[in-house]
Amino acid sequence: MNEQIQQKTIDLARGLFLVRYNGADDKVSPPVVRVYADRASLNNCNIITGPDVVNGTLFAPETALVVSVARPSRLIVEVTAGRVGGSTAANIKIEPLTQGQPAEQPASQPFDMFEPEAGPGELSDLKLLAHVAGLGDVTVGSNVWIAGPSAPARIEGISLEWPNKPRDLHLQYAVKFARPQRGDNQFVPLGTFAGTRGRALAITGFSLEATGPGADRYAIAAETIFLGAPALRVTGNRIVVVSGPSGREPLVGLKLNLEERRVQAAPLAPQQPRRVEPATPTPMPHQDGPRLEGRVRVFRSRQGAVKTAG
C-alpha cells in the first residue's frame, strides 16, 4: 500500500457509533481521515455527517461523524497524509452511543434486598478493549471480533469492562508473552489493562476465569486466533492459558462472550407397571432416578481508540 495512505478495517456490531478525530502527529498538515463501509456492509452501515460536508471525510483533528449500523458490519478507516512525505499517524476514537436501558419494575413487585441475576441486557454490557498493532486501542462489545478472521493483527494488551456486573460474580484475566515480562501471566480484575502498548510485544497466551458465589450461573466463551493456527473456541467458568501450537504464536484475533448458564432437570424415565402374582412376587423393574442435564448456550461503554501506524 502507498506509504501516504494507511487503511484499517474495524468490525462493528449493531448500534450507533461516534467516530472522533482527536489528533495527529503532523500539526502543520494533518492527515485526512475517510470512513466508509466495505462493499458487503453498504446496505447495513450508514455514515452520518453534516449537510454541507463530504460524506465520511474528516479533514482535521477535533472533528467527528456518526456511524449507524443496522447489522454487524465492517468499517474501513483510511488515513491519507496531508502533504507529500507527511505523516499518517492519527488518533481516532470510536465510541458507542447509547440511550441506556429503561428501568422496568412493576409497581406490585415486592422489594428484594438481594442482588438480582443478570439479564440479557446486562450480559451484553461486557466490553473488551484491546491494543492492536497499527490500530491502537479498539473497544468492542460481547461476541464481536477484535482483529480476527477478516483482519488479523497483533494484539498487545487487553482490558475488560462490565458496568452492570452482578455483585456476586467476579471476572479476572491474565495475558502471557513469549518472553517473560512484568505482570506476565498474573490475573488482574475488571478495568485493569493487562499487556503493553507501543512495545511491539504480542500476547501469546490468554486466561480468563469467573469466581464468586454467582460464578456457576454463567458460562464464558472465548474464541482466539493465533498466527498460523486455526481459530480455537473454549468455554467454561475458567479458561487457562489458551495459546498457539508452540505457545509462542502471536494472538491475532479475540472474541469474548458471556451468557447465563441454564440447568434443567430431565423428566423421570417412564415406570413400568408393577405386577404381583400370588406366592411369587415379581421384583419391580429398575426405575431411573432424576438426572440433571446442563445446557450451556454460548452467547458488545467505554471509549475505544484507533491509531494508525505512521
Protein backbone atom coordinates (compact mmCIF):
# COMPACT_ATOMS: atom_id res chain seq x y z
CA MET A 1 0.00 0.00 0.00
CA ASN A 2 1.12 3.57 -0.68
CA GLU A 3 3.09 4.93 2.30
CA GLN A 4 0.99 8.09 2.08
CA ILE A 5 -2.15 6.07 2.84
CA GLN A 6 -2.89 3.78 5.79
CA GLN A 7 -6.06 1.68 5.88
CA LYS A 8 -7.56 -0.42 8.66
CA THR A 9 -10.77 -2.46 8.96
CA ILE A 10 -12.91 -2.41 12.11
CA ASP A 11 -15.76 -4.83 12.91
CA LEU A 12 -18.79 -3.09 14.43
CA ALA A 13 -21.85 -4.69 15.98
CA ARG A 14 -25.38 -3.31 15.60
CA GLY A 15 -25.60 0.15 17.14
CA LEU A 16 -24.75 3.84 16.85
CA PHE A 17 -21.11 4.99 17.00
CA LEU A 18 -19.28 8.32 17.20
CA VAL A 19 -16.04 8.41 15.18
CA ARG A 20 -13.91 11.23 16.59
CA TYR A 21 -10.67 12.53 15.03
CA ASN A 22 -8.79 13.58 18.16
CA GLY A 23 -5.33 14.50 16.94
CA ALA A 24 -2.40 13.90 14.61
CA ASP A 25 1.40 13.88 14.82
CA ASP A 26 1.67 16.31 11.90
CA LYS A 27 0.30 19.55 13.34
CA VAL A 28 1.01 21.66 10.25
CA SER A 29 -0.56 19.41 7.61
CA PRO A 30 -2.59 16.78 9.46
CA PRO A 31 -3.74 13.74 7.51
CA VAL A 32 -7.25 13.42 6.13
CA VAL A 33 -9.41 10.62 7.58
CA ARG A 34 -12.05 8.91 5.44
CA VAL A 35 -14.54 6.49 6.95
CA TYR A 36 -16.69 4.16 4.84
CA ALA A 37 -18.29 0.70 4.90
CA ASP A 38 -16.84 -2.13 2.88
CA ARG A 39 -18.82 -3.48 -0.09
CA ALA A 40 -20.53 -6.26 1.84
CA SER A 41 -21.75 -3.81 4.52
CA LEU A 42 -23.04 -0.96 2.34
CA ASN A 43 -26.71 -1.74 2.99
CA ASN A 44 -26.23 -2.16 6.74
CA CYS A 45 -23.88 0.74 7.59
CA ASN A 46 -24.77 4.43 7.20
CA ILE A 47 -22.26 7.30 7.59
CA ILE A 48 -23.93 10.41 9.04
CA THR A 49 -22.32 13.85 8.58
CA GLY A 50 -23.44 17.47 8.28
CA PRO A 51 -25.38 18.52 5.15
CA ASP A 52 -22.55 20.70 3.75
CA VAL A 53 -19.56 18.38 4.08
CA VAL A 54 -18.09 15.48 2.14
CA ASN A 55 -19.70 12.27 3.32
CA GLY A 56 -17.42 10.23 5.57
CA THR A 57 -14.40 12.58 5.47
CA LEU A 58 -12.72 14.26 8.45
CA PHE A 59 -10.24 16.88 7.27
CA ALA A 60 -8.59 17.84 10.56
CA PRO A 61 -8.46 16.96 14.28
CA GLU A 62 -11.33 17.96 16.59
CA THR A 63 -13.91 16.73 14.08
CA ALA A 64 -16.35 13.81 14.20
CA LEU A 65 -19.07 11.89 12.41
CA VAL A 66 -21.63 9.26 13.32
CA VAL A 67 -21.98 5.70 12.02
CA SER A 68 -25.30 3.89 12.24
CA VAL A 69 -25.04 0.09 11.98
CA ALA A 70 -28.21 -1.92 11.38
CA ARG A 71 -26.42 -5.27 11.30
CA PRO A 72 -22.83 -6.28 12.15
CA SER A 73 -20.64 -4.54 9.58
CA ARG A 74 -17.05 -3.82 8.64
CA LEU A 75 -15.94 -0.20 8.71
CA ILE A 76 -12.86 0.95 6.81
CA VAL A 77 -10.78 3.79 8.26
CA GLU A 78 -8.47 5.30 5.64
CA VAL A 79 -5.86 7.91 6.56
CA THR A 80 -4.11 9.94 3.83
CA ALA A 81 -1.09 12.14 4.54
CA GLY A 82 -1.82 15.87 4.29
CA ARG A 83 1.31 16.53 2.22
CA VAL A 84 3.94 14.65 0.28
CA GLY A 85 6.15 12.82 2.72
CA GLY A 86 3.80 13.70 5.58
CA SER A 87 2.77 11.50 8.49
CA THR A 88 -0.32 9.30 8.52
CA ALA A 89 -0.32 8.97 12.32
CA ALA A 90 -3.77 9.98 13.55
CA ASN A 91 -5.64 9.36 16.80
CA ILE A 92 -9.22 8.29 16.12
CA LYS A 93 -11.69 7.14 18.76
CA ILE A 94 -14.78 5.07 18.09
CA GLU A 95 -17.35 5.42 20.87
CA PRO A 96 -20.65 3.51 21.10
CA LEU A 97 -23.58 5.89 21.59
CA THR A 98 -26.41 4.64 23.78
CA GLN A 99 -29.53 5.99 25.46
CA GLY A 100 -29.31 3.41 28.24
CA GLN A 101 -31.94 0.89 29.31
CA PRO A 102 -35.24 1.88 30.94
CA ALA A 103 -35.83 0.60 34.44
CA GLU A 104 -38.71 -1.85 34.32
CA GLN A 105 -40.18 -2.94 37.65
CA PRO A 106 -43.93 -3.50 38.17
CA ALA A 107 -45.41 -1.47 41.00
CA SER A 108 -46.82 -4.62 42.59
CA GLN A 109 -43.45 -6.38 42.69
CA PRO A 110 -42.15 -6.62 46.26
CA PHE A 111 -38.80 -5.07 47.13
CA ASP A 112 -35.97 -7.57 47.03
CA MET A 113 -32.90 -6.94 49.17
CA PHE A 114 -30.83 -9.48 47.27
CA GLU A 115 -28.79 -8.78 44.17
CA PRO A 116 -30.81 -9.75 41.06
CA GLU A 117 -29.41 -12.07 38.50
CA ALA A 118 -28.04 -10.51 35.34
CA GLY A 119 -30.46 -10.25 32.44
CA PRO A 120 -29.62 -10.36 28.72
CA GLY A 121 -29.08 -6.57 28.60
CA GLU A 122 -26.60 -6.66 31.47
CA LEU A 123 -24.67 -9.53 29.95
CA SER A 124 -24.31 -7.59 26.71
CA ASP A 125 -22.72 -4.70 28.66
CA LEU A 126 -19.45 -6.61 28.77
CA LYS A 127 -16.83 -4.62 26.80
CA LEU A 128 -13.46 -5.76 25.52
CA LEU A 129 -10.68 -3.24 24.87
CA ALA A 130 -7.55 -4.40 23.06
CA HIS A 131 -4.41 -2.57 21.99
CA VAL A 132 -3.84 -3.69 18.41
CA ALA A 133 -0.64 -3.12 16.45
CA GLY A 134 -1.17 -0.39 13.85
CA LEU A 135 -4.60 0.49 15.25
CA GLY A 136 -4.14 1.44 18.88
CA ASP A 137 -6.94 0.86 21.39
CA VAL A 138 -10.09 -0.72 19.97
CA THR A 139 -13.23 -1.42 22.02
CA VAL A 140 -15.98 -3.86 21.06
CA GLY A 141 -18.93 -5.44 22.80
CA SER A 142 -19.80 -9.02 23.57
CA ASN A 143 -19.44 -11.59 20.80
CA VAL A 144 -17.58 -9.25 18.40
CA TRP A 145 -14.12 -9.93 16.98
CA ILE A 146 -11.15 -7.69 17.65
CA ALA A 147 -8.84 -8.28 14.66
CA GLY A 148 -9.84 -11.87 13.89
CA PRO A 149 -10.51 -13.82 10.70
CA SER A 150 -11.18 -10.88 8.37
CA ALA A 151 -8.42 -8.57 9.63
CA PRO A 152 -5.85 -10.43 11.77
CA ALA A 153 -3.50 -8.11 13.66
CA ARG A 154 -1.14 -8.48 16.60
CA ILE A 155 -2.91 -7.91 19.96
CA GLU A 156 -0.55 -6.47 22.59
CA GLY A 157 -2.83 -5.84 25.58
CA ILE A 158 -6.44 -6.18 26.77
CA SER A 159 -8.87 -4.78 29.33
CA LEU A 160 -12.41 -5.83 30.27
CA GLU A 161 -15.21 -3.55 31.47
CA TRP A 162 -18.65 -4.57 32.77
CA PRO A 163 -20.55 -1.59 34.24
CA ASN A 164 -23.60 -3.58 35.40
CA LYS A 165 -21.81 -6.68 36.65
CA PRO A 166 -23.72 -8.64 39.33
CA ARG A 167 -22.18 -8.22 42.76
CA ASP A 168 -21.85 -11.95 43.35
CA LEU A 169 -19.73 -12.51 40.22
CA HIS A 170 -16.10 -11.56 39.69
CA LEU A 171 -14.07 -11.77 36.48
CA GLN A 172 -10.30 -11.74 36.27
CA TYR A 173 -7.93 -12.30 33.38
CA ALA A 174 -4.25 -12.64 32.54
CA VAL A 175 -2.01 -12.50 29.46
CA LYS A 176 1.25 -14.22 28.63
CA PHE A 177 4.15 -13.22 26.36
CA ALA A 178 6.76 -15.23 24.51
CA ARG A 179 9.41 -13.69 26.77
CA PRO A 180 8.74 -13.08 30.48
CA GLN A 181 7.54 -9.53 31.21
CA ARG A 182 6.42 -7.66 34.28
CA GLY A 183 2.92 -8.84 35.18
CA ASP A 184 3.25 -11.81 32.84
CA ASN A 185 0.50 -14.41 33.41
CA GLN A 186 -0.80 -12.63 36.53
CA PHE A 187 -4.55 -12.28 36.99
CA VAL A 188 -5.96 -8.74 37.18
CA PRO A 189 -9.53 -7.53 37.96
CA LEU A 190 -12.03 -5.89 35.63
CA GLY A 191 -10.97 -2.47 34.36
CA THR A 192 -7.25 -3.23 34.56
CA PHE A 193 -5.12 -3.17 31.42
CA ALA A 194 -3.07 -6.35 31.02
CA GLY A 195 -0.27 -6.24 28.46
CA THR A 196 1.73 -3.48 26.79
CA ARG A 197 1.28 -0.51 24.48
CA GLY A 198 3.72 0.59 21.80
CA ARG A 199 6.39 -2.01 22.57
CA ALA A 200 5.63 -4.46 19.74
CA LEU A 201 5.13 -7.29 22.26
CA ALA A 202 2.36 -9.58 21.14
CA ILE A 203 0.26 -11.62 23.56
CA THR A 204 0.94 -15.35 23.16
CA GLY A 205 -1.39 -16.69 25.85
CA PHE A 206 -4.71 -15.69 27.43
CA SER A 207 -6.56 -16.75 30.60
CA LEU A 208 -9.96 -15.76 31.99
CA GLU A 209 -11.94 -17.01 34.95
CA ALA A 210 -15.20 -16.29 36.75
CA THR A 211 -15.27 -16.52 40.55
CA GLY A 212 -17.65 -15.72 43.36
CA PRO A 213 -20.98 -17.18 44.57
CA GLY A 214 -22.69 -16.49 41.24
CA ALA A 215 -19.98 -17.93 39.00
CA ASP A 216 -21.86 -21.16 38.33
CA ARG A 217 -24.73 -19.22 36.74
CA TYR A 218 -22.59 -18.08 33.82
CA ALA A 219 -20.53 -19.57 31.03
CA ILE A 220 -17.57 -17.85 29.37
CA ALA A 221 -16.88 -18.43 25.69
CA ALA A 222 -13.55 -17.28 24.24
CA GLU A 223 -12.63 -17.55 20.58
CA THR A 224 -8.97 -16.94 19.75
CA ILE A 225 -6.81 -16.96 16.65
CA PHE A 226 -3.06 -17.31 16.94
CA LEU A 227 -0.83 -16.62 13.95
CA GLY A 228 -0.69 -19.61 11.61
CA ALA A 229 -3.19 -21.63 13.67
CA PRO A 230 -6.92 -22.26 13.20
CA ALA A 231 -9.50 -20.48 15.35
CA LEU A 232 -9.91 -22.01 18.81
CA ARG A 233 -13.10 -21.85 20.88
CA VAL A 234 -13.08 -22.59 24.62
CA THR A 235 -15.99 -22.42 27.08
CA GLY A 236 -16.37 -22.79 30.82
CA ASN A 237 -16.00 -20.89 34.10
CA ARG A 238 -12.22 -21.00 33.88
CA ILE A 239 -10.17 -20.63 30.71
CA VAL A 240 -6.50 -21.13 31.45
CA VAL A 241 -3.63 -20.17 29.12
CA VAL A 242 -5.13 -20.52 25.69
CA SER A 243 -2.22 -20.37 23.23
CA GLY A 244 -0.98 -21.47 19.81
CA PRO A 245 0.61 -24.82 18.95
CA SER A 246 4.08 -23.86 20.20
CA GLY A 247 2.98 -21.34 22.82
CA ARG A 248 4.87 -18.55 21.03
CA GLU A 249 2.47 -17.61 18.23
CA PRO A 250 1.08 -14.03 18.49
CA LEU A 251 -2.61 -13.58 19.30
CA VAL A 252 -4.17 -12.01 16.17
CA GLY A 253 -7.88 -12.38 16.92
CA LEU A 254 -10.05 -12.41 20.06
CA LYS A 255 -13.80 -12.61 20.72
CA LEU A 256 -15.43 -12.97 24.14
CA ASN A 257 -18.94 -13.85 25.15
CA LEU A 258 -20.74 -14.38 28.45
CA GLU A 259 -24.16 -15.90 28.92
CA GLU A 260 -26.30 -17.19 31.73
CA ARG A 261 -25.99 -20.91 32.21
CA ARG A 262 -29.33 -22.70 32.48
CA VAL A 263 -29.61 -26.13 34.10
CA GLN A 264 -32.79 -28.10 33.64
CA ALA A 265 -33.94 -31.33 35.18
CA ALA A 266 -34.74 -34.08 32.75
CA PRO A 267 -38.12 -35.85 33.13
CA LEU A 268 -38.21 -39.11 35.06
CA ALA A 269 -37.88 -42.26 33.00
CA PRO A 270 -41.24 -43.98 32.48
CA GLN A 271 -42.06 -46.52 35.16
CA GLN A 272 -43.20 -49.96 34.16
CA PRO A 273 -46.42 -51.20 35.80
CA ARG A 274 -45.94 -53.39 38.81
CA ARG A 275 -47.23 -56.96 38.59
CA VAL A 276 -47.76 -59.11 41.68
CA GLU A 277 -48.55 -62.79 41.49
CA PRO A 278 -49.62 -64.94 44.40
CA ALA A 279 -46.73 -66.64 46.23
CA THR A 280 -44.16 -65.43 43.70
CA PRO A 281 -43.70 -61.68 43.87
CA THR A 282 -42.02 -60.19 40.84
CA PRO A 283 -39.34 -57.55 41.54
CA MET A 284 -40.16 -54.05 40.32
CA PRO A 285 -38.31 -53.02 37.19
CA HIS A 286 -35.42 -50.63 37.65
CA GLN A 287 -36.57 -47.03 37.76
CA ASP A 288 -34.16 -44.30 36.74
CA GLY A 289 -33.89 -41.52 39.26
CA PRO A 290 -33.95 -37.87 38.29
CA ARG A 291 -30.91 -36.64 36.48
CA LEU A 292 -29.71 -33.13 35.66
CA GLU A 293 -28.70 -32.01 32.25
CA GLY A 294 -26.73 -28.80 31.74
CA ARG A 295 -27.49 -26.79 28.62
CA VAL A 296 -24.97 -24.05 28.02
CA ARG A 297 -25.88 -21.53 25.34
CA VAL A 298 -22.83 -19.70 24.26
CA PHE A 299 -23.66 -16.25 23.73
CA ARG A 300 -20.84 -5.63 22.69
CA SER A 301 -19.25 1.89 27.20
CA ARG A 302 -16.04 2.57 27.39
CA GLN A 303 -14.26 4.58 24.71
CA GLY A 304 -12.13 2.79 22.13
CA ALA A 305 -9.32 4.44 20.20
CA VAL A 306 -7.92 3.71 16.81
CA LYS A 307 -4.41 4.85 15.99
CA THR A 308 -2.90 4.18 12.63
CA ALA A 309 0.78 3.46 12.18
CA GLY A 310 2.72 6.38 10.71
